[in-house]
Protein backbone atom coordinates (compact mmCIF):
# COMPACT_ATOMS: atom_id res chain seq x y z
CA MET A 1 6.77 46.18 -14.50
CA GLY A 2 9.89 44.71 -16.14
CA GLU A 3 12.12 47.20 -14.37
CA SER A 4 10.44 46.33 -11.07
CA ILE A 5 11.15 42.60 -11.55
CA LYS A 6 14.74 43.37 -12.52
CA HIS A 7 15.10 45.57 -9.45
CA LEU A 8 13.49 42.91 -7.25
CA PHE A 9 15.92 40.12 -8.15
CA SER A 10 19.02 42.31 -8.31
CA ASN A 11 18.11 43.69 -4.90
CA TRP A 12 17.18 40.39 -3.22
CA PHE A 13 20.12 38.38 -4.47
CA SER A 14 22.78 41.05 -4.26
CA THR A 15 25.92 39.92 -2.46
CA ASP A 16 26.61 43.44 -1.14
CA ASN A 17 27.08 43.24 2.61
CA PHE A 18 25.75 39.66 2.49
CA GLN A 19 22.11 40.75 2.83
CA PRO A 20 20.14 38.56 0.38
CA TRP A 21 16.63 39.55 1.52
CA LYS A 22 15.79 43.21 1.16
CA LEU A 23 12.12 44.15 0.90
CA GLN A 24 12.06 47.87 0.30
CA THR A 25 9.25 48.69 -2.11
CA THR A 26 5.61 47.70 -2.52
CA TRP A 27 6.59 45.61 -5.56
CA ASP A 28 9.12 43.76 -3.42
CA TYR A 29 6.39 42.67 -1.04
CA ILE A 30 3.96 41.81 -3.86
CA PHE A 31 6.41 39.60 -5.72
CA PHE A 32 7.66 38.02 -2.51
CA GLY A 33 4.05 37.12 -1.69
CA ILE A 34 3.53 35.71 -5.20
CA LEU A 35 6.62 33.54 -4.88
CA LEU A 36 5.40 32.25 -1.52
CA LEU A 37 2.01 31.38 -3.02
CA ILE A 38 3.67 29.59 -5.94
CA GLY A 39 5.84 27.64 -3.51
CA PHE A 40 2.85 26.58 -1.43
CA LEU A 41 0.94 25.59 -4.59
CA VAL A 42 3.82 23.46 -5.89
CA PHE A 43 4.18 21.81 -2.47
CA PHE A 44 0.43 21.11 -2.35
CA LEU A 45 0.38 19.58 -5.84
CA ILE A 46 3.41 17.39 -5.14
CA THR A 47 1.94 16.21 -1.85
CA ARG A 48 -1.42 15.43 -3.45
CA SER A 49 0.26 13.47 -6.26
CA LEU A 50 2.35 11.44 -3.81
CA LYS A 51 -0.71 10.64 -1.73
CA LYS A 52 -2.76 9.67 -4.79
CA HIS A 53 -0.13 7.18 -5.96
CA ARG A 54 0.69 5.78 -2.53
CA ASN A 55 -1.08 2.48 -3.15
CA LEU A 56 -0.21 -1.08 -4.10
CA ALA A 57 -1.23 -0.91 -7.76
CA ASP A 58 0.90 2.15 -8.51
CA ALA A 59 3.79 0.88 -6.37
CA LYS A 60 3.89 -2.36 -8.36
CA LYS A 61 4.02 -0.39 -11.61
CA ARG A 62 6.92 1.70 -10.32
CA VAL A 63 8.83 -1.39 -9.22
CA ALA A 64 8.11 -3.16 -12.52
CA ARG A 65 9.50 -0.22 -14.50
CA LYS A 66 12.66 -0.26 -12.39
CA LEU A 67 13.17 -4.02 -12.67
CA LYS A 68 12.59 -4.00 -16.41
CA ARG A 69 15.14 -1.22 -16.88
CA LEU A 70 17.68 -2.94 -14.62
CA GLY A 71 17.07 -6.45 -15.94
CA GLY A 72 19.14 -6.22 -19.10
CA LYS A 73 18.20 -6.59 -22.74
CA GLY A 74 14.86 -8.36 -23.22
CA SER A 75 13.80 -8.02 -19.59
CA VAL A 76 10.05 -8.10 -19.02
CA CYS A 77 7.66 -7.90 -16.07
CA TYR A 78 4.29 -9.56 -15.51
CA LEU A 79 1.80 -8.12 -13.01
CA ASP A 80 -0.94 -10.01 -11.16
CA ARG A 81 -0.74 -13.38 -12.89
CA MET A 82 -2.04 -16.79 -11.85
CA VAL A 83 0.66 -19.30 -12.72
CA LYS A 84 -0.59 -22.85 -13.23
CA THR A 85 1.00 -26.23 -13.83
CA THR A 86 -0.79 -29.56 -14.18
CA ASP A 87 -0.84 -30.13 -10.43
CA MET A 88 -0.59 -26.71 -8.77
CA GLU A 89 -1.22 -23.01 -9.23
CA HIS A 90 -0.33 -19.83 -7.41
CA PHE A 91 -1.02 -16.10 -7.69
CA CYS A 92 2.07 -14.02 -8.42
CA GLU A 93 1.95 -10.31 -7.77
CA LEU A 94 4.98 -9.47 -9.91
CA ILE A 95 7.32 -11.65 -11.96
CA ASN A 96 10.44 -10.20 -13.56
CA VAL A 97 12.35 -12.09 -16.22
CA ALA A 98 15.83 -10.56 -16.21
CA LYS A 99 18.73 -11.39 -18.51
CA ASP A 100 19.97 -14.29 -16.41
CA ARG A 101 17.36 -14.98 -13.75
CA VAL A 102 13.70 -14.73 -12.76
CA TYR A 103 12.41 -12.77 -9.77
CA VAL A 104 9.16 -13.35 -7.91
CA VAL A 105 8.47 -10.07 -6.15
CA LYS A 106 6.45 -8.79 -3.21
CA VAL A 107 5.90 -5.02 -3.12
CA PHE A 108 4.99 -3.03 -0.01
CA PRO A 109 3.66 0.46 -0.81
CA TRP A 110 3.58 1.89 2.73
CA GLY A 111 6.13 2.38 5.49
CA THR A 112 9.47 4.15 5.82
CA LYS A 113 10.71 2.07 8.74
CA ILE A 114 10.32 -1.70 8.71
CA THR A 115 11.36 -4.27 11.29
CA GLY A 116 11.00 -8.02 11.40
CA SER A 117 12.83 -11.25 10.76
CA LYS A 118 12.83 -14.15 8.39
CA ALA A 119 11.10 -16.31 11.01
CA GLU A 120 8.46 -13.87 12.33
CA LYS A 121 4.88 -14.19 11.14
CA GLU A 122 4.41 -10.44 10.85
CA TRP A 123 6.59 -7.45 10.05
CA ALA A 124 6.06 -3.99 11.51
CA PHE A 125 5.71 -1.06 9.10
CA MET A 126 5.97 2.48 10.46
CA TYR A 127 5.46 5.96 9.14
CA GLY A 128 5.76 8.69 11.72
CA LYS A 129 3.84 7.47 14.77
CA GLU A 130 1.57 5.13 12.79
CA VAL A 131 2.37 1.41 12.87
CA ARG A 132 0.86 -1.31 10.69
CA TYR A 133 1.54 -5.03 10.64
CA GLU A 134 1.80 -7.10 7.47
CA ALA A 135 2.20 -10.84 7.02
CA ASN A 136 5.73 -12.06 6.42
CA PRO A 137 5.75 -12.59 2.61
CA LEU A 138 8.62 -15.08 2.45
CA SER A 139 6.53 -18.24 2.73
CA ASP A 140 4.26 -17.08 -0.07
CA LEU A 141 7.26 -16.10 -2.20
CA ASP A 142 8.70 -19.59 -1.69
CA GLN A 143 5.45 -21.05 -3.03
CA GLN A 144 5.60 -18.70 -5.99
CA ARG A 145 9.19 -19.71 -6.63
CA GLY A 146 8.13 -23.37 -6.52
CA VAL A 147 5.38 -23.05 -9.10
CA VAL A 148 7.47 -20.86 -11.42
CA THR A 149 10.39 -23.30 -11.19
CA ARG A 150 8.08 -26.18 -12.03
CA VAL A 151 6.73 -24.32 -15.07
CA LEU A 152 10.26 -23.74 -16.33
CA LEU A 153 11.32 -27.36 -15.73
CA ARG A 154 8.35 -28.63 -17.71
CA ALA A 155 9.45 -26.36 -20.57
CA ASN A 156 12.99 -27.81 -20.40
CA GLN A 157 14.36 -24.52 -19.04
CA ARG A 158 16.58 -26.01 -16.39
CA SER A 159 19.04 -24.25 -14.11
CA VAL A 160 17.15 -20.95 -14.32
CA PRO A 161 17.55 -19.17 -10.96
CA VAL A 162 14.17 -18.13 -9.51
CA ILE A 163 14.80 -15.61 -6.75
CA PRO A 164 12.39 -14.09 -4.19
CA LEU A 165 12.59 -10.33 -3.84
CA VAL A 166 10.91 -7.93 -1.39
CA VAL A 167 10.72 -4.27 -2.41
CA PHE A 168 9.71 -1.44 -0.07
CA ALA A 169 8.17 1.18 -2.35
CA ASP A 170 6.70 3.98 -0.24
CA ASN A 171 6.93 7.13 -2.39
CA TYR A 172 7.00 9.27 0.77
CA GLY A 173 10.61 8.31 1.40
CA ARG A 174 13.28 5.62 1.37
CA ALA A 175 12.61 2.78 3.76
CA ASP A 176 14.97 2.13 6.65
CA PHE A 177 14.58 -1.59 7.30
CA SER A 178 15.94 -4.31 9.54
CA ILE A 179 14.82 -7.79 8.50
CA HIS A 180 16.99 -10.29 10.36
CA GLY A 181 18.03 -13.35 8.40
CA LEU A 182 17.11 -11.94 4.98
CA LYS A 183 19.99 -11.47 2.56
CA GLY A 184 20.63 -8.14 0.88
CA ALA A 185 20.08 -9.73 -2.53
CA ASN A 186 16.46 -10.42 -1.57
CA VAL A 187 15.29 -7.10 -0.13
CA VAL A 188 15.66 -3.49 -1.26
CA PRO A 189 13.93 -0.08 -1.08
CA ILE A 190 12.85 1.12 -4.51
CA GLN A 191 15.03 4.23 -4.17
CA GLN A 192 18.16 2.04 -3.90
CA MET A 193 17.48 -0.43 -6.68
CA GLY A 194 20.21 1.05 -8.88
CA ALA A 195 22.85 0.45 -6.20
CA TRP A 196 21.32 -2.96 -5.49
CA ARG A 197 21.76 -3.98 -9.13
CA ARG A 198 25.35 -2.76 -9.17
CA THR A 199 26.04 -4.91 -6.11
CA TYR A 200 24.21 -7.99 -7.39
CA LYS A 201 25.18 -7.83 -11.04
CA LEU A 202 23.67 -9.83 -13.86
CA ASP A 203 25.73 -12.64 -15.33
CA LYS A 204 27.36 -12.10 -18.71
CA VAL A 205 25.90 -15.35 -20.07
CA PRO A 206 22.16 -14.82 -20.55
CA LEU A 207 19.43 -17.40 -20.28
CA ASP A 208 17.07 -18.10 -23.18
CA ILE A 209 14.77 -15.19 -22.37
CA GLU A 210 12.30 -15.87 -25.17
CA ALA A 211 11.88 -19.51 -24.14
CA VAL A 212 11.42 -18.50 -20.49
CA LYS A 213 8.85 -15.85 -21.40
CA THR A 214 6.97 -18.31 -23.59
CA ALA A 215 6.90 -20.92 -20.84
CA LEU A 216 5.56 -18.44 -18.31
CA GLU A 217 2.99 -16.91 -20.65
CA ASN A 218 1.65 -20.35 -21.53
CA SER A 219 1.16 -21.04 -17.82
CA PHE A 220 -0.90 -17.94 -17.09
CA VAL A 221 -4.62 -18.37 -16.43
CA GLU A 222 -7.31 -15.86 -15.56
CA ALA A 223 -7.01 -14.70 -11.97
CA GLU A 224 -9.10 -12.60 -9.66
CA ALA A 225 -7.56 -9.65 -7.88
CA SER A 226 -5.15 -10.52 -5.11
CA PRO A 227 -6.38 -10.24 -1.51
CA GLU A 228 -4.24 -7.10 -1.08
CA GLU A 229 -5.81 -5.46 -4.13
CA GLU A 230 -9.30 -6.14 -2.80
CA LYS A 231 -8.55 -4.20 0.39
CA LYS A 232 -9.44 -0.53 0.29
CA GLU A 233 -6.23 1.43 -0.04
CA PRO A 234 -5.57 3.89 2.81
């Protein structure tokens, strides 16, 4: 058995005459078939895992892990929080407190080609021949930015930048997008977040992260699931 395996690999991957595939014996065919089955099994398991986690909840967790890692020392993320001040409240899907700024984030878990503009009411999301339309999230992100900014002002945390961010997080592939009028600092595929952070670097002078986190955490109230979470995931 051992000699057969040794013969199989030395025979298949020999560089003699540049003929890498040589099936000569019964064992050659058996082991070649086994390797094919293993390859198909690995492909099936990977595909099933990708499909299982191709949903909003898991996409938000992936984005949160990335933002926390890229946000500098003390960075933290909050998922699905209702932020409330004395006169207004708003549901925030993902808030990231980075070293020198705060992000309010919208995550899209589906689509590898996205088109739209800052002014359009809907954006088109495509995968293969399938097309879906999602509401432009920028107006909602502006409202989130407003309530978060107000929370920070009431806690005497002034001049803290609160920045809207859209992340395309389809785990089937990197999104190719064209959103006219939206700056590169405010939109990124999850696969390119490392390069995005290197381009839009954090400032050397940090904000008071603990005070910002305390202000936000004191503003959180119980919230029902977001409308997107209530939809059945495809």
